[in-house]
PDB file of N, CA and C in Angstrom:
ATOM      1  N   MET A   1      89.485 176.468 205.532  1.00  0.00           N
ATOM      2  CA  MET A   1      90.966 176.269 206.176  1.00  0.00           C
ATOM      3  C   MET A   1      91.583 175.086 205.842  1.00  0.00           C
ATOM      4  N   LYS A   2      90.840 174.190 205.600  1.00  0.00           N
ATOM      5  CA  LYS A   2      91.547 172.862 204.989  1.00  0.00           C
ATOM      6  C   LYS A   2      92.102 173.144 203.736  1.00  0.00           C
ATOM      7  N   ASP A   3      91.334 173.760 202.774  1.00  0.00           N
ATOM      8  CA  ASP A   3      91.982 174.057 201.461  1.00  0.00           C
ATOM      9  C   ASP A   3      92.897 175.083 201.473  1.00  0.00           C
ATOM     10  N   PHE A   4      92.876 176.204 202.369  1.00  0.00           N
ATOM     11  CA  PHE A   4      93.977 177.105 202.525  1.00  0.00           C
ATOM     12  C   PHE A   4      95.242 176.610 202.900  1.00  0.00           C
ATOM     13  N   ILE A   5      95.266 175.597 204.048  1.00  0.00           N
ATOM     14  CA  ILE A   5      96.369 175.156 204.323  1.00  0.00           C
ATOM     15  C   ILE A   5      97.098 174.201 203.289  1.00  0.00           C
ATOM     16  N   GLU A   6      96.263 173.363 202.613  1.00  0.00           N
ATOM     17  CA  GLU A   6      96.864 172.243 202.013  1.00  0.00           C
ATOM     18  C   GLU A   6      97.042 172.685 200.584  1.00  0.00           C
ATOM     19  N   LYS A   7      96.171 173.562 199.939  1.00  0.00           N
ATOM     20  CA  LYS A   7      96.645 173.995 198.696  1.00  0.00           C
ATOM     21  C   LYS A   7      97.380 175.334 198.429  1.00  0.00           C
ATOM     22  N   THR A   8      96.923 176.385 199.136  1.00  0.00           N
ATOM     23  CA  THR A   8      97.743 177.608 199.025  1.00  0.00           C
ATOM     24  C   THR A   8      99.018 177.523 199.812  1.00  0.00           C
ATOM     25  N   LEU A   9      99.045 177.162 201.082  1.00  0.00           N
ATOM     26  CA  LEU A   9     100.202 177.208 201.780  1.00  0.00           C
ATOM     27  C   LEU A   9     101.020 175.887 201.556  1.00  0.00           C
ATOM     28  N   GLY A  10     100.485 174.780 201.339  1.00  0.00           N
ATOM     29  CA  GLY A  10     101.179 173.566 201.188  1.00  0.00           C
ATOM     30  C   GLY A  10     102.035 173.644 199.704  1.00  0.00           C
ATOM     31  N   ALA A  11     101.445 174.381 198.699  1.00  0.00           N
ATOM     32  CA  ALA A  11     102.234 174.302 197.506  1.00  0.00           C
ATOM     33  C   ALA A  11     103.522 174.962 197.715  1.00  0.00           C
ATOM     34  N   ARG A  12     103.819 175.905 198.567  1.00  0.00           N
ATOM     35  CA  ARG A  12     105.024 176.290 198.747  1.00  0.00           C
ATOM     36  C   ARG A  12     106.082 175.641 199.525  1.00  0.00           C
ATOM     37  N   LEU A  13     105.463 174.540 200.264  1.00  0.00           N
ATOM     38  CA  LEU A  13     106.076 173.388 200.857  1.00  0.00           C
ATOM     39  C   LEU A  13     106.669 172.555 200.051  1.00  0.00           C
ATOM     40  N   GLN A  14     105.874 172.168 198.825  1.00  0.00           N
ATOM     41  CA  GLN A  14     106.220 170.963 197.995  1.00  0.00           C
ATOM     42  C   GLN A  14     107.247 171.364 197.011  1.00  0.00           C
ATOM     43  N   GLY A  15     107.670 172.526 196.974  1.00  0.00           N
ATOM     44  CA  GLY A  15     108.982 172.989 196.336  1.00  0.00           C
ATOM     45  C   GLY A  15     110.284 172.437 196.996  1.00  0.00           C
ATOM     46  N   ASP A  16     109.972 172.313 198.178  1.00  0.00           N
ATOM     47  CA  ASP A  16     111.207 171.540 199.141  1.00  0.00           C
ATOM     48  C   ASP A  16     111.083 170.002 199.187  1.00  0.00           C
ATOM     49  N   GLY A  17     109.987 169.577 198.699  1.00  0.00           N
ATOM     50  CA  GLY A  17     109.731 167.975 198.748  1.00  0.00           C
ATOM     51  C   GLY A  17     108.846 167.624 199.945  1.00  0.00           C
ATOM     52  N   GLY A  18     108.194 168.548 200.627  1.00  0.00           N
ATOM     53  CA  GLY A  18     107.609 168.302 201.683  1.00  0.00           C
ATOM     54  C   GLY A  18     106.086 168.509 201.591  1.00  0.00           C
ATOM     55  N   TRP A  19     105.353 168.171 202.247  1.00  0.00           N
ATOM     56  CA  TRP A  19     103.664 168.743 202.375  1.00  0.00           C
ATOM     57  C   TRP A  19     103.008 168.499 203.807  1.00  0.00           C
ATOM     58  N   VAL A  20     102.073 169.430 203.666  1.00  0.00           N
ATOM     59  CA  VAL A  20     101.310 169.504 205.088  1.00  0.00           C
ATOM     60  C   VAL A  20      99.712 168.921 204.877  1.00  0.00           C
ATOM     61  N   GLU A  21      99.198 168.493 205.711  1.00  0.00           N
ATOM     62  CA  GLU A  21      97.992 168.324 205.746  1.00  0.00           C
ATOM     63  C   GLU A  21      97.116 168.779 207.060  1.00  0.00           C
ATOM     64  N   PHE A  22      96.145 169.090 206.833  1.00  0.00           N
ATOM     65  CA  PHE A  22      95.183 169.836 207.881  1.00  0.00           C
ATOM     66  C   PHE A  22      94.618 168.507 208.773  1.00  0.00           C
ATOM     67  N   GLU A  23      94.720 168.677 209.954  1.00  0.00           N
ATOM     68  CA  GLU A  23      93.963 167.614 210.804  1.00  0.00           C
ATOM     69  C   GLU A  23      92.839 168.284 211.636  1.00  0.00           C
ATOM     70  N   LYS A  24      93.106 169.219 212.441  1.00  0.00           N
ATOM     71  CA  LYS A  24      91.955 169.837 213.134  1.00  0.00           C
ATOM     72  C   LYS A  24      92.290 171.102 213.605  1.00  0.00           C
ATOM     73  N   LEU A  25      91.352 172.090 213.891  1.00  0.00           N
ATOM     74  CA  LEU A  25      91.331 173.170 214.585  1.00  0.00           C
ATOM     75  C   LEU A  25      90.362 173.098 215.807  1.00  0.00           C
ATOM     76  N   GLU A  26      90.890 173.302 216.876  1.00  0.00           N
ATOM     77  CA  GLU A  26      90.174 173.185 218.152  1.00  0.00           C
ATOM     78  C   GLU A  26      90.676 174.018 219.226  1.00  0.00           C
ATOM     79  N   GLU A  27      89.717 174.980 219.643  1.00  0.00           N
ATOM     80  CA  GLU A  27      90.064 175.646 220.918  1.00  0.00           C
ATOM     81  C   GLU A  27      91.576 176.781 220.578  1.00  0.00           C
ATOM     82  N   GLY A  28      91.680 177.107 219.418  1.00  0.00           N
ATOM     83  CA  GLY A  28      92.680 177.891 219.150  1.00  0.00           C
ATOM     84  C   GLY A  28      93.920 177.222 218.843  1.00  0.00           C
ATOM     85  N   GLU A  29      93.800 175.980 218.506  1.00  0.00           N
ATOM     86  CA  GLU A  29      95.200 175.200 218.209  1.00  0.00           C
ATOM     87  C   GLU A  29      94.846 174.491 216.887  1.00  0.00           C
ATOM     88  N   LEU A  30      95.678 174.633 216.090  1.00  0.00           N
ATOM     89  CA  LEU A  30      95.765 174.230 214.771  1.00  0.00           C
ATOM     90  C   LEU A  30      96.635 172.851 214.598  1.00  0.00           C
ATOM     91  N   THR A  31      96.310 171.888 214.256  1.00  0.00           N
ATOM     92  CA  THR A  31      96.880 170.729 214.518  1.00  0.00           C
ATOM     93  C   THR A  31      97.314 170.210 212.843  1.00  0.00           C
ATOM     94  N   LEU A  32      98.416 170.102 212.448  1.00  0.00           N
ATOM     95  CA  LEU A  32      98.914 169.977 211.068  1.00  0.00           C
ATOM     96  C   LEU A  32      99.903 168.931 211.076  1.00  0.00           C
ATOM     97  N   VAL A  33      99.806 167.936 210.370  1.00  0.00           N
ATOM     98  CA  VAL A  33     100.519 166.771 209.671  1.00  0.00           C
ATOM     99  C   VAL A  33     101.595 167.059 208.804  1.00  0.00           C
ATOM    100  N   PHE A  34     102.960 167.026 209.015  1.00  0.00           N
ATOM    101  CA  PHE A  34     103.954 167.383 208.000  1.00  0.00           C
ATOM    102  C   PHE A  34     104.434 166.034 207.782  1.00  0.00           C
ATOM    103  N   ARG A  35     104.500 166.035 206.367  1.00  0.00           N
ATOM    104  CA  ARG A  35     105.214 164.653 205.640  1.00  0.00           C
ATOM    105  C   ARG A  35     106.313 165.001 204.773  1.00  0.00           C
ATOM    106  N   GLY A  36     106.823 163.905 204.049  1.00  0.00           N
ATOM    107  CA  GLY A  36     108.022 164.239 203.273  1.00  0.00           C
ATOM    108  C   GLY A  36     109.182 164.725 203.887  1.00  0.00           C
ATOM    109  N   GLU A  37     109.667 165.692 203.199  1.00  0.00           N
ATOM    110  CA  GLU A  37     111.015 166.510 203.795  1.00  0.00           C
ATOM    111  C   GLU A  37     110.619 167.335 204.947  1.00  0.00           C
ATOM    112  N   CYS A  38     109.454 167.619 204.905  1.00  0.00           N
ATOM    113  CA  CYS A  38     108.844 168.382 206.400  1.00  0.00           C
ATOM    114  C   CYS A  38     108.924 167.606 207.670  1.00  0.00           C
ATOM    115  N   SER A  39     108.999 166.307 207.512  1.00  0.00           N
ATOM    116  CA  SER A  39     108.752 165.465 208.606  1.00  0.00           C
ATOM    117  C   SER A  39     110.072 165.343 209.293  1.00  0.00           C
ATOM    118  N   LYS A  40     111.158 165.581 208.587  1.00  0.00           N
ATOM    119  CA  LYS A  40     112.536 165.591 209.207  1.00  0.00           C
ATOM    120  C   LYS A  40     113.351 166.984 209.220  1.00  0.00           C
ATOM    121  N   CYS A  41     112.607 167.969 209.030  1.00  0.00           N
ATOM    122  CA  CYS A  41     113.005 169.350 208.732  1.00  0.00           C
ATOM    123  C   CYS A  41     113.684 169.922 210.198  1.00  0.00           C
ATOM    124  N   LEU A  42     114.714 170.616 210.239  1.00  0.00           N
ATOM    125  CA  LEU A  42     115.274 170.919 211.367  1.00  0.00           C
ATOM    126  C   LEU A  42     114.824 172.282 211.883  1.00  0.00           C
ATOM    127  N   ILE A  43     114.184 173.129 211.121  1.00  0.00           N
ATOM    128  CA  ILE A  43     113.733 174.279 211.212  1.00  0.00           C
ATOM    129  C   ILE A  43     112.036 174.488 210.997  1.00  0.00           C
ATOM    130  N   LEU A  44     111.554 173.406 211.280  1.00  0.00           N
ATOM    131  CA  LEU A  44     109.894 173.210 211.303  1.00  0.00           C
ATOM    132  C   LEU A  44     109.407 174.422 211.968  1.00  0.00           C
ATOM    133  N   ASN A  45     109.976 174.658 213.018  1.00  0.00           N
ATOM    134  CA  ASN A  45     109.351 175.648 214.164  1.00  0.00           C
ATOM    135  C   ASN A  45     109.228 177.017 213.273  1.00  0.00           C
ATOM    136  N   ARG A  46     110.021 177.511 212.266  1.00  0.00           N
ATOM    137  CA  ARG A  46     109.989 178.429 211.338  1.00  0.00           C
ATOM    138  C   ARG A  46     108.666 178.513 210.458  1.00  0.00           C
ATOM    139  N   CYS A  47     108.716 177.245 209.812  1.00  0.00           N
ATOM    140  CA  CYS A  47     107.270 177.059 209.020  1.00  0.00           C
ATOM    141  C   CYS A  47     106.100 177.273 209.724  1.00  0.00           C
ATOM    142  N   CYS A  48     106.091 176.611 211.015  1.00  0.00           N
ATOM    143  CA  CYS A  48     104.852 176.901 211.597  1.00  0.00           C
ATOM    144  C   CYS A  48     104.519 178.000 212.173  1.00  0.00           C
ATOM    145  N   ASP A  49     105.563 179.017 212.398  1.00  0.00           N
ATOM    146  CA  ASP A  49     105.261 180.509 212.655  1.00  0.00           C
ATOM    147  C   ASP A  49     104.817 181.203 211.477  1.00  0.00           C
ATOM    148  N   TRP A  50     105.500 180.834 210.427  1.00  0.00           N
ATOM    149  CA  TRP A  50     104.883 181.356 208.938  1.00  0.00           C
ATOM    150  C   TRP A  50     103.458 181.120 208.874  1.00  0.00           C
ATOM    151  N   ILE A  51     102.978 179.699 209.044  1.00  0.00           N
ATOM    152  CA  ILE A  51     101.643 179.556 208.966  1.00  0.00           C
ATOM    153  C   ILE A  51     100.575 180.243 209.693  1.00  0.00           C
ATOM    154  N   ARG A  52     101.088 180.368 211.082  1.00  0.00           N
ATOM    155  CA  ARG A  52     100.265 180.958 211.953  1.00  0.00           C
ATOM    156  C   ARG A  52     100.109 182.480 211.500  1.00  0.00           C
ATOM    157  N   GLU A  53     101.167 182.986 210.930  1.00  0.00           N
ATOM    158  CA  GLU A  53     100.717 184.326 210.482  1.00  0.00           C
ATOM    159  C   GLU A  53     100.058 184.398 209.264  1.00  0.00           C
ATOM    160  N   LYS A  54     100.294 183.617 208.492  1.00  0.00           N
ATOM    161  CA  LYS A  54      99.108 183.639 207.191  1.00  0.00           C
ATOM    162  C   LYS A  54      97.777 183.250 207.614  1.00  0.00           C
ATOM    163  N   VAL A  55      97.632 182.089 208.705  1.00  0.00           N
ATOM    164  CA  VAL A  55      96.290 182.208 209.283  1.00  0.00           C
ATOM    165  C   VAL A  55      95.574 183.310 209.756  1.00  0.00           C
ATOM    166  N   LYS A  56      96.339 184.206 210.439  1.00  0.00           N
ATOM    167  CA  LYS A  56      96.012 185.480 211.228  1.00  0.00           C
ATOM    168  C   LYS A  56      95.786 186.530 210.073  1.00  0.00           C
ATOM    169  N   GLU A  57      96.655 186.428 209.044  1.00  0.00           N
ATOM    170  CA  GLU A  57      96.311 187.517 208.031  1.00  0.00           C
ATOM    171  C   GLU A  57      95.136 187.207 207.236  1.00  0.00           C
ATOM    172  N   ASN A  58      94.865 185.952 206.923  1.00  0.00           N
ATOM    173  CA  ASN A  58      93.574 185.535 206.043  1.00  0.00           C
ATOM    174  C   ASN A  58      92.219 185.373 206.745  1.00  0.00           C
ATOM    175  N   PHE A  59      92.459 185.002 208.002  1.00  0.00           N
ATOM    176  CA  PHE A  59      91.152 184.473 208.681  1.00  0.00           C
ATOM    177  C   PHE A  59      90.897 185.157 210.123  1.00  0.00           C
ATOM    178  N   GLY A  60      91.936 186.043 210.343  1.00  0.00           N
ATOM    179  CA  GLY A  60      91.879 186.893 211.747  1.00  0.00           C
ATOM    180  C   GLY A  60      91.961 186.018 212.861  1.00  0.00           C
ATOM    181  N   LEU A  61      92.426 184.786 212.792  1.00  0.00           N
ATOM    182  CA  LEU A  61      92.446 183.897 213.910  1.00  0.00           C
ATOM    183  C   LEU A  61      93.895 183.823 214.420  1.00  0.00           C
ATOM    184  N   ASP A  62      94.053 184.032 215.779  1.00  0.00           N
ATOM    185  CA  ASP A  62      95.294 184.040 216.409  1.00  0.00           C
ATOM    186  C   ASP A  62      95.603 182.459 217.057  1.00  0.00           C
ATOM    187  N   VAL A  63      96.151 181.517 216.258  1.00  0.00           N
ATOM    188  CA  VAL A  63      96.202 180.129 216.641  1.00  0.00           C
ATOM    189  C   VAL A  63      97.589 179.870 216.971  1.00  0.00           C
ATOM    190  N   THR A  64      97.867 178.662 217.610  1.00  0.00           N
ATOM    191  CA  THR A  64      98.986 177.966 217.927  1.00  0.00           C
ATOM    192  C   THR A  64      99.028 176.716 216.905  1.00  0.00           C
ATOM    193  N   VAL A  65     100.179 176.502 216.299  1.00  0.00           N
ATOM    194  CA  VAL A  65     100.351 175.482 215.434  1.00  0.00           C
ATOM    195  C   VAL A  65     100.955 174.301 216.381  1.00  0.00           C
ATOM    196  N   ALA A  66     100.310 172.995 216.426  1.00  0.00           N
ATOM    197  CA  ALA A  66     100.766 171.855 216.768  1.00  0.00           C
ATOM    198  C   ALA A  66     101.388 171.018 215.472  1.00  0.00           C
ATOM    199  N   ALA A  67     102.563 170.868 215.427  1.00  0.00           N
ATOM    200  CA  ALA A  67     103.219 170.001 214.305  1.00  0.00           C
ATOM    201  C   ALA A  67     103.199 168.601 214.616  1.00  0.00           C
ATOM    202  N   VAL A  68     102.541 167.776 213.728  1.00  0.00           N
ATOM    203  CA  VAL A  68     102.740 166.256 213.855  1.00  0.00           C
ATOM    204  C   VAL A  68     103.752 165.718 212.701  1.00  0.00           C
ATOM    205  N   ARG A  69     105.089 165.333 212.956  1.00  0.00           N
ATOM    206  CA  ARG A  69     105.596 164.631 212.114  1.00  0.00           C
ATOM    207  C   ARG A  69     105.228 163.113 211.665  1.00  0.00           C
ATOM    208  N   LYS A  70     105.128 162.807 210.501  1.00  0.00           N
ATOM    209  CA  LYS A  70     104.944 161.584 210.008  1.00  0.00           C
ATOM    210  C   LYS A  70     105.844 161.456 208.554  1.00  0.00           C
ATOM    211  N   LYS A  71     106.618 160.378 208.417  1.00  0.00           N
ATOM    212  CA  LYS A  71     107.262 160.133 207.495  1.00  0.00           C
ATOM    213  C   LYS A  71     105.906 159.337 206.506  1.00  0.00           C
ATOM    214  N   PRO A  72     106.464 159.366 205.174  1.00  0.00           N
ATOM    215  CA  PRO A  72     105.439 158.805 204.231  1.00  0.00           C
ATOM    216  C   PRO A  72     105.453 157.150 204.363  1.00  0.00           C
ATOM    217  N   TYR A  73     104.651 156.453 204.200  1.00  0.00           N
ATOM    218  CA  TYR A  73     104.251 155.132 204.404  1.00  0.00           C
ATOM    219  C   TYR A  73     105.483 154.410 203.630  1.00  0.00           C
ATOM    220  N   PHE A  74     105.812 154.890 202.246  1.00  0.00           N
ATOM    221  CA  PHE A  74     106.697 154.106 201.564  1.00  0.00           C
ATOM    222  C   PHE A  74     108.138 154.356 201.939  1.00  0.00           C
ATOM    223  N   TRP A  75     108.444 155.300 202.884  1.00  0.00           N
ATOM    224  CA  TRP A  75     109.608 155.294 203.461  1.00  0.00           C
ATOM    225  C   TRP A  75     110.170 154.223 204.316  1.00  0.00           C
ATOM    226  N   ASP A  76     109.323 153.455 204.979  1.00  0.00           N
ATOM    227  CA  ASP A  76     109.535 152.226 205.730  1.00  0.00           C
ATOM    228  C   ASP A  76     109.856 151.037 205.130  1.00  0.00           C
ATOM    229  N   LYS A  77     109.949 151.160 203.745  1.00  0.00           N
ATOM    230  CA  LYS A  77     110.280 149.820 202.914  1.00  0.00           C
ATOM    231  C   LYS A  77     111.617 149.953 202.580  1.00  0.00           C
TER     232      LYS A  77
END
């Protein structure tokens, strides 16, 4: 699941300057950390819906996506 999220789906987010990191999957909740441009995206909920659909298509799991927004450490400087 981690590789699918970060490499397969994450590659599509990188085109817009963002990236996603898998944090955990527990009790039907998929927690993902969004960084870069994703951390400040106004339509992140659409991306989360898209990820949920792709997880269902590829793994047969019906999950909810919990999005954690974190800006990259170098943006603090």
